[in-house]
Amino acid sequence: MAYKIDADTCTSCGACEPVCPVEAISEGDDSYVIDGDTCIDCGLCESTCPVDAISAE
């Protein structure tokens, strides 16, 4: 189960991107996005997000 970033909640602060150990997070058009095929479900991004925009799918 991969993690997902809610585009409506994400403020594009970028806090999640550097903590991802497999570089599954990148900047999208309106918010950051997580590549579900690359995500290893570690949860580091969820605990780092200051606005709780990241959750498990």
N, C-alpha and C. Protein backbone atom coordinates (compact mmCIF):
# COMPACT_ATOMS: atom_id res chain seq x y z
N MET A 1 0.84 -1.17 0.00
CA MET A 1 0.00 0.00 0.00
C MET A 1 0.89 1.24 0.00
N ALA A 2 0.79 2.02 -1.04
CA ALA A 2 1.60 3.24 -1.16
C ALA A 2 0.93 4.41 -0.45
N TYR A 3 1.71 5.42 -0.20
CA TYR A 3 1.18 6.65 0.39
C TYR A 3 0.73 7.59 -0.72
N LYS A 4 -0.15 8.51 -0.37
CA LYS A 4 -0.70 9.46 -1.34
C LYS A 4 -0.74 10.85 -0.71
N ILE A 5 -0.50 11.87 -1.53
CA ILE A 5 -0.56 13.25 -1.07
C ILE A 5 -1.86 13.86 -1.57
N ASP A 6 -2.64 14.42 -0.66
CA ASP A 6 -3.89 15.09 -1.02
C ASP A 6 -3.54 16.46 -1.60
N ALA A 7 -3.81 16.64 -2.89
CA ALA A 7 -3.44 17.88 -3.59
C ALA A 7 -4.16 19.09 -3.02
N ASP A 8 -5.36 18.91 -2.49
CA ASP A 8 -6.11 20.03 -1.92
C ASP A 8 -5.52 20.52 -0.61
N THR A 9 -4.85 19.63 0.12
CA THR A 9 -4.29 19.97 1.42
C THR A 9 -2.82 20.36 1.34
N CYS A 10 -2.10 19.78 0.39
CA CYS A 10 -0.66 20.04 0.25
C CYS A 10 -0.38 21.51 -0.02
N THR A 11 0.58 22.07 0.71
CA THR A 11 0.97 23.47 0.54
C THR A 11 2.27 23.60 -0.28
N SER A 12 2.75 22.50 -0.81
CA SER A 12 3.98 22.46 -1.61
C SER A 12 5.19 22.98 -0.85
N CYS A 13 5.25 22.68 0.43
CA CYS A 13 6.37 23.15 1.25
C CYS A 13 7.66 22.38 0.96
N GLY A 14 7.51 21.13 0.48
CA GLY A 14 8.68 20.33 0.13
C GLY A 14 9.31 19.56 1.27
N ALA A 15 8.71 19.57 2.45
CA ALA A 15 9.29 18.88 3.60
C ALA A 15 9.37 17.37 3.39
N CYS A 16 8.47 16.82 2.63
CA CYS A 16 8.40 15.37 2.43
C CYS A 16 9.47 14.83 1.48
N GLU A 17 9.80 15.60 0.48
CA GLU A 17 10.70 15.11 -0.58
C GLU A 17 12.05 14.63 -0.07
N PRO A 18 12.77 15.38 0.75
CA PRO A 18 14.10 14.93 1.16
C PRO A 18 14.12 13.75 2.14
N VAL A 19 13.00 13.46 2.79
CA VAL A 19 13.00 12.35 3.75
C VAL A 19 12.69 11.00 3.10
N CYS A 20 12.26 11.01 1.85
CA CYS A 20 11.92 9.74 1.18
C CYS A 20 13.20 8.99 0.82
N PRO A 21 13.38 7.79 1.37
CA PRO A 21 14.62 7.04 1.13
C PRO A 21 14.75 6.47 -0.28
N VAL A 22 13.64 6.42 -1.04
CA VAL A 22 13.70 5.87 -2.39
C VAL A 22 13.36 6.91 -3.46
N GLU A 23 13.32 8.18 -3.07
CA GLU A 23 13.06 9.28 -3.98
C GLU A 23 11.77 9.10 -4.77
N ALA A 24 10.71 8.67 -4.08
CA ALA A 24 9.41 8.46 -4.72
C ALA A 24 8.58 9.74 -4.78
N ILE A 25 9.03 10.80 -4.12
CA ILE A 25 8.27 12.04 -4.06
C ILE A 25 8.90 13.08 -4.97
N SER A 26 8.05 13.74 -5.75
CA SER A 26 8.53 14.80 -6.63
C SER A 26 7.50 15.92 -6.68
N GLU A 27 7.95 17.07 -7.16
CA GLU A 27 7.07 18.22 -7.25
C GLU A 27 6.19 18.08 -8.49
N GLY A 28 4.88 18.14 -8.27
CA GLY A 28 3.94 18.09 -9.38
C GLY A 28 3.51 19.48 -9.78
N ASP A 29 2.45 19.59 -10.56
CA ASP A 29 1.97 20.88 -11.03
C ASP A 29 1.43 21.75 -9.90
N ASP A 30 0.57 21.18 -9.07
CA ASP A 30 -0.08 21.95 -8.00
C ASP A 30 0.34 21.53 -6.61
N SER A 31 0.95 20.36 -6.48
CA SER A 31 1.36 19.83 -5.18
C SER A 31 2.45 18.79 -5.42
N TYR A 32 3.00 18.28 -4.34
CA TYR A 32 3.96 17.18 -4.47
C TYR A 32 3.19 15.90 -4.72
N VAL A 33 3.82 14.93 -5.37
CA VAL A 33 3.18 13.66 -5.70
C VAL A 33 4.11 12.51 -5.31
N ILE A 34 3.50 11.37 -5.03
CA ILE A 34 4.25 10.17 -4.67
C ILE A 34 4.04 9.13 -5.76
N ASP A 35 5.13 8.59 -6.28
CA ASP A 35 5.07 7.51 -7.26
C ASP A 35 4.74 6.22 -6.51
N GLY A 36 3.53 5.73 -6.69
CA GLY A 36 3.07 4.55 -5.98
C GLY A 36 3.87 3.29 -6.29
N ASP A 37 4.47 3.22 -7.46
CA ASP A 37 5.27 2.05 -7.83
C ASP A 37 6.63 2.06 -7.15
N THR A 38 7.12 3.23 -6.79
CA THR A 38 8.43 3.36 -6.15
C THR A 38 8.32 3.37 -4.62
N CYS A 39 7.22 3.86 -4.10
CA CYS A 39 7.01 3.98 -2.65
C CYS A 39 7.16 2.62 -1.95
N ILE A 40 7.92 2.60 -0.86
CA ILE A 40 8.14 1.36 -0.11
C ILE A 40 7.31 1.32 1.18
N ASP A 41 6.38 2.27 1.32
CA ASP A 41 5.44 2.28 2.44
C ASP A 41 6.12 2.43 3.80
N CYS A 42 7.15 3.27 3.87
CA CYS A 42 7.87 3.43 5.14
C CYS A 42 7.19 4.42 6.08
N GLY A 43 6.44 5.38 5.52
CA GLY A 43 5.72 6.33 6.35
C GLY A 43 6.48 7.56 6.81
N LEU A 44 7.73 7.69 6.41
CA LEU A 44 8.51 8.86 6.83
C LEU A 44 7.88 10.16 6.33
N CYS A 45 7.35 10.15 5.14
CA CYS A 45 6.75 11.36 4.58
C CYS A 45 5.51 11.78 5.38
N GLU A 46 4.70 10.82 5.76
CA GLU A 46 3.48 11.13 6.51
C GLU A 46 3.81 11.81 7.84
N SER A 47 4.81 11.31 8.52
CA SER A 47 5.16 11.89 9.82
C SER A 47 5.86 13.24 9.69
N THR A 48 6.36 13.56 8.51
CA THR A 48 7.06 14.82 8.28
C THR A 48 6.14 15.95 7.82
N CYS A 49 5.04 15.60 7.19
CA CYS A 49 4.15 16.61 6.60
C CYS A 49 3.52 17.50 7.68
N PRO A 50 3.76 18.82 7.60
CA PRO A 50 3.23 19.73 8.62
C PRO A 50 1.73 20.01 8.51
N VAL A 51 1.11 19.65 7.38
CA VAL A 51 -0.32 19.92 7.21
C VAL A 51 -1.14 18.63 7.08
N ASP A 52 -0.54 17.50 7.39
CA ASP A 52 -1.23 16.19 7.34
C ASP A 52 -1.86 15.91 5.98
N ALA A 53 -1.16 16.22 4.92
CA ALA A 53 -1.68 15.98 3.56
C ALA A 53 -1.36 14.58 3.03
N ILE A 54 -0.57 13.81 3.77
CA ILE A 54 -0.13 12.50 3.29
C ILE A 54 -0.78 11.40 4.12
N SER A 55 -1.30 10.39 3.40
CA SER A 55 -1.92 9.25 4.08
C SER A 55 -1.70 7.99 3.27
N ALA A 56 -1.89 6.85 3.90
CA ALA A 56 -1.79 5.57 3.20
C ALA A 56 -3.02 5.39 2.33
N GLU A 57 -2.80 4.88 1.14
CA GLU A 57 -3.93 4.63 0.22
C GLU A 57 -4.74 3.46 0.69
